[in-house]
Amino acid sequence: MNADELRAAQAPIKDRYRQDPTAGLVTLASHGILGDEQVACKVDTGRALVEAGLHPASGGTGMLACSGNMLLDALVACAGVTMKAVATSLSVPLREGRVTAEGDLDFRGTLGVDREAPVGFTGIRLRFDLRTDAPPELVAKLVSLTERYCVVYQTLRAGVKVTVTHDARP
């Protein structure tokens, strides 16, 4: 896909959102089923069924997907797709590109070993390794716009109110 094809694909969508701002409001959802025989949750990604379980640092075998890794995977996927779209839109020639996300966790908090230890990521690093002949200022613009428009990055960076409800039946 080139810049003109991308603009052509997005133009009617952008026009619709300008005319009807509520048309751009979409609720995404993810669903999982708790495991019957092991500490696991099967998540339907829409493309494949992923079974998530405990990380080895919290008692897992390492045979199931780790939800922390899945969060980083979502960040890498979103940042990568966003970067590719922005590069296409700006006609930035990318010969090769790699996106890496690393996150730091203290499992003492997750396991309740130390109430002072945080539960969750204490830091996440996102890195782009690009092979391009584009000038440095254009690469900087590419990265800046990727940060601006990456949904997962912006959600993690800004934080978001999360509510929890439950339903329990006999």
Protein backbone atom coordinates (compact mmCIF):
# COMPACT_ATOMS: atom_id res chain seq x y z
CA MET A 1 0.00 0.00 0.00
CA ASN A 2 1.33 3.42 -0.88
CA ALA A 3 0.45 6.84 0.56
CA ASP A 4 -2.25 7.54 -2.03
CA GLU A 5 -3.92 4.15 -1.47
CA LEU A 6 -3.84 4.68 2.30
CA ARG A 7 -5.36 8.16 1.98
CA ALA A 8 -8.04 6.79 -0.38
CA ALA A 9 -8.91 4.01 2.07
CA GLN A 10 -9.07 6.36 5.05
CA ALA A 11 -10.71 9.40 3.40
CA PRO A 12 -14.34 8.16 3.50
CA ILE A 13 -13.88 6.99 7.09
CA LYS A 14 -12.47 10.36 8.15
CA ASP A 15 -15.31 12.16 6.34
CA ARG A 16 -17.88 10.02 8.12
CA TYR A 17 -16.32 10.79 11.51
CA ARG A 18 -16.26 14.51 10.73
CA GLN A 19 -19.95 14.43 9.77
CA ASP A 20 -20.98 12.16 12.64
CA PRO A 21 -18.51 12.26 15.54
CA THR A 22 -20.38 9.44 17.31
CA ALA A 23 -19.58 7.12 14.39
CA GLY A 24 -15.96 7.09 15.55
CA LEU A 25 -16.84 5.78 19.00
CA VAL A 26 -16.16 2.06 19.07
CA THR A 27 -15.98 -0.30 22.03
CA LEU A 28 -13.40 -3.06 21.65
CA ALA A 29 -13.70 -6.18 23.77
CA SER A 30 -11.68 -9.22 24.68
CA HIS A 31 -13.19 -12.37 26.13
CA GLY A 32 -11.71 -15.25 28.04
CA ILE A 33 -12.80 -18.49 29.65
CA LEU A 34 -11.20 -19.65 32.89
CA GLY A 35 -9.37 -22.96 32.66
CA ASP A 36 -10.96 -26.09 34.09
CA GLU A 37 -7.85 -28.07 35.00
CA GLN A 38 -5.03 -25.55 35.34
CA VAL A 39 -4.45 -21.97 36.36
CA ALA A 40 -5.19 -20.54 32.92
CA CYS A 41 -7.54 -18.39 30.89
CA LYS A 42 -8.34 -18.99 27.23
CA VAL A 43 -8.56 -15.70 25.32
CA ASP A 44 -10.20 -15.50 21.91
CA THR A 45 -8.11 -12.96 19.98
CA GLY A 46 -10.40 -13.08 16.96
CA ARG A 47 -7.65 -14.85 15.02
CA ALA A 48 -6.58 -17.59 17.39
CA LEU A 49 -7.33 -18.89 20.82
CA VAL A 50 -4.56 -17.94 23.24
CA GLU A 51 -4.28 -19.69 26.57
CA ALA A 52 -2.72 -17.47 29.20
CA GLY A 53 -1.33 -18.74 32.46
CA LEU A 54 1.05 -17.92 35.25
CA HIS A 55 4.51 -16.63 34.41
CA PRO A 56 7.28 -18.91 35.70
CA ALA A 57 8.24 -16.16 38.19
CA SER A 58 4.82 -16.66 39.81
CA GLY A 59 4.59 -20.45 39.64
CA GLY A 60 3.77 -21.13 36.00
CA THR A 61 5.46 -23.63 33.73
CA GLY A 62 6.17 -21.19 30.90
CA MET A 63 4.08 -23.31 28.57
CA LEU A 64 1.20 -20.80 28.48
CA ALA A 65 1.19 -17.19 27.32
CA CYS A 66 1.93 -14.59 29.99
CA SER A 67 -0.60 -11.76 30.18
CA GLY A 68 2.23 -9.29 30.85
CA ASN A 69 3.91 -10.38 27.64
CA MET A 70 0.56 -10.10 25.88
CA LEU A 71 0.31 -6.48 27.01
CA LEU A 72 3.78 -5.82 25.60
CA ASP A 73 2.79 -7.72 22.44
CA ALA A 74 -0.21 -5.41 22.05
CA LEU A 75 2.05 -2.37 22.43
CA VAL A 76 4.53 -3.69 19.85
CA ALA A 77 1.74 -4.59 17.42
CA CYS A 78 0.00 -1.23 17.75
CA ALA A 79 3.22 0.78 17.55
CA GLY A 80 4.41 -1.25 14.57
CA VAL A 81 1.16 -0.89 12.63
CA THR A 82 0.95 2.80 13.49
CA MET A 83 4.55 3.40 12.43
CA LYS A 84 4.02 1.59 9.15
CA ALA A 85 0.88 3.63 8.43
CA VAL A 86 2.63 6.91 9.28
CA ALA A 87 5.70 5.94 7.21
CA THR A 88 3.42 5.12 4.30
CA SER A 89 1.51 8.38 4.69
CA LEU A 90 4.73 10.44 4.83
CA SER A 91 6.43 8.32 2.14
CA VAL A 92 9.29 7.49 4.50
CA PRO A 93 11.24 4.62 2.94
CA LEU A 94 11.76 1.88 5.54
CA ARG A 95 14.00 -0.94 4.35
CA GLU A 96 13.57 -2.70 7.67
CA GLY A 97 12.03 -1.96 11.02
CA ARG A 98 11.92 -3.68 14.39
CA VAL A 99 9.82 -2.74 17.38
CA THR A 100 10.72 -3.94 20.87
CA ALA A 101 8.92 -3.42 24.17
CA GLU A 102 10.41 -4.35 27.53
CA GLY A 103 8.68 -4.04 30.86
CA ASP A 104 9.92 -4.31 34.44
CA LEU A 105 7.94 -6.23 37.06
CA ASP A 106 8.54 -7.06 40.71
CA PHE A 107 6.85 -10.40 41.29
CA ARG A 108 7.12 -9.93 45.05
CA GLY A 109 4.16 -7.57 44.74
CA THR A 110 2.16 -9.92 42.52
CA LEU A 111 2.66 -12.81 44.93
CA GLY A 112 1.97 -10.73 48.04
CA VAL A 113 5.44 -11.37 49.44
CA ASP A 114 6.08 -7.67 50.06
CA ARG A 115 3.13 -5.29 50.43
CA GLU A 116 5.46 -2.38 49.58
CA ALA A 117 6.46 -3.94 46.25
CA PRO A 118 4.37 -2.66 43.33
CA VAL A 119 1.97 -4.88 41.45
CA GLY A 120 2.25 -4.29 37.74
CA PHE A 121 4.82 -2.83 35.42
CA THR A 122 7.03 -0.19 36.97
CA GLY A 123 8.48 0.84 33.63
CA ILE A 124 8.04 0.02 29.96
CA ARG A 125 10.55 0.83 27.24
CA LEU A 126 9.53 0.97 23.58
CA ARG A 127 12.30 0.92 20.98
CA PHE A 128 12.31 1.30 17.21
CA ASP A 129 15.28 0.04 15.19
CA LEU A 130 14.87 1.37 11.68
CA ARG A 131 16.85 0.98 8.47
CA THR A 132 16.09 3.99 6.29
CA ASP A 133 17.77 6.63 4.18
CA ALA A 134 15.33 9.27 5.45
CA PRO A 135 16.94 12.33 7.03
CA PRO A 136 17.06 12.38 10.87
CA GLU A 137 14.39 15.09 11.15
CA LEU A 138 11.95 12.99 9.11
CA VAL A 139 12.70 9.92 11.24
CA ALA A 140 12.10 12.02 14.38
CA LYS A 141 8.75 13.13 12.92
CA LEU A 142 7.89 9.51 12.11
CA VAL A 143 8.56 8.43 15.69
CA SER A 144 6.73 11.44 17.14
CA LEU A 145 3.62 10.82 15.05
CA THR A 146 3.76 7.11 15.87
CA GLU A 147 3.74 7.99 19.58
CA ARG A 148 0.87 10.43 19.05
CA TYR A 149 -1.40 8.03 17.16
CA CYS A 150 -0.58 4.65 18.75
CA VAL A 151 -3.68 3.74 20.78
CA VAL A 152 -1.96 1.29 23.14
CA TYR A 153 1.01 3.59 23.78
CA GLN A 154 -1.23 6.56 24.53
CA THR A 155 -3.45 4.46 26.81
CA LEU A 156 -0.48 3.20 28.82
CA ARG A 157 1.21 6.60 28.90
CA ALA A 158 -1.84 8.59 29.97
CA GLY A 159 -3.51 5.93 32.07
CA VAL A 160 -7.19 5.23 31.89
CA LYS A 161 -9.94 4.69 34.42
CA VAL A 162 -10.72 0.99 34.66
CA THR A 163 -13.83 -0.21 36.43
CA VAL A 164 -14.45 -3.71 37.70
CA THR A 165 -17.83 -5.40 38.09
CA HIS A 166 -18.76 -8.98 38.79
CA ASP A 167 -21.64 -11.41 38.63
CA ALA A 168 -21.59 -14.57 40.70
CA ARG A 169 -24.31 -17.20 40.47
CA PRO A 170 -24.77 -20.59 42.09
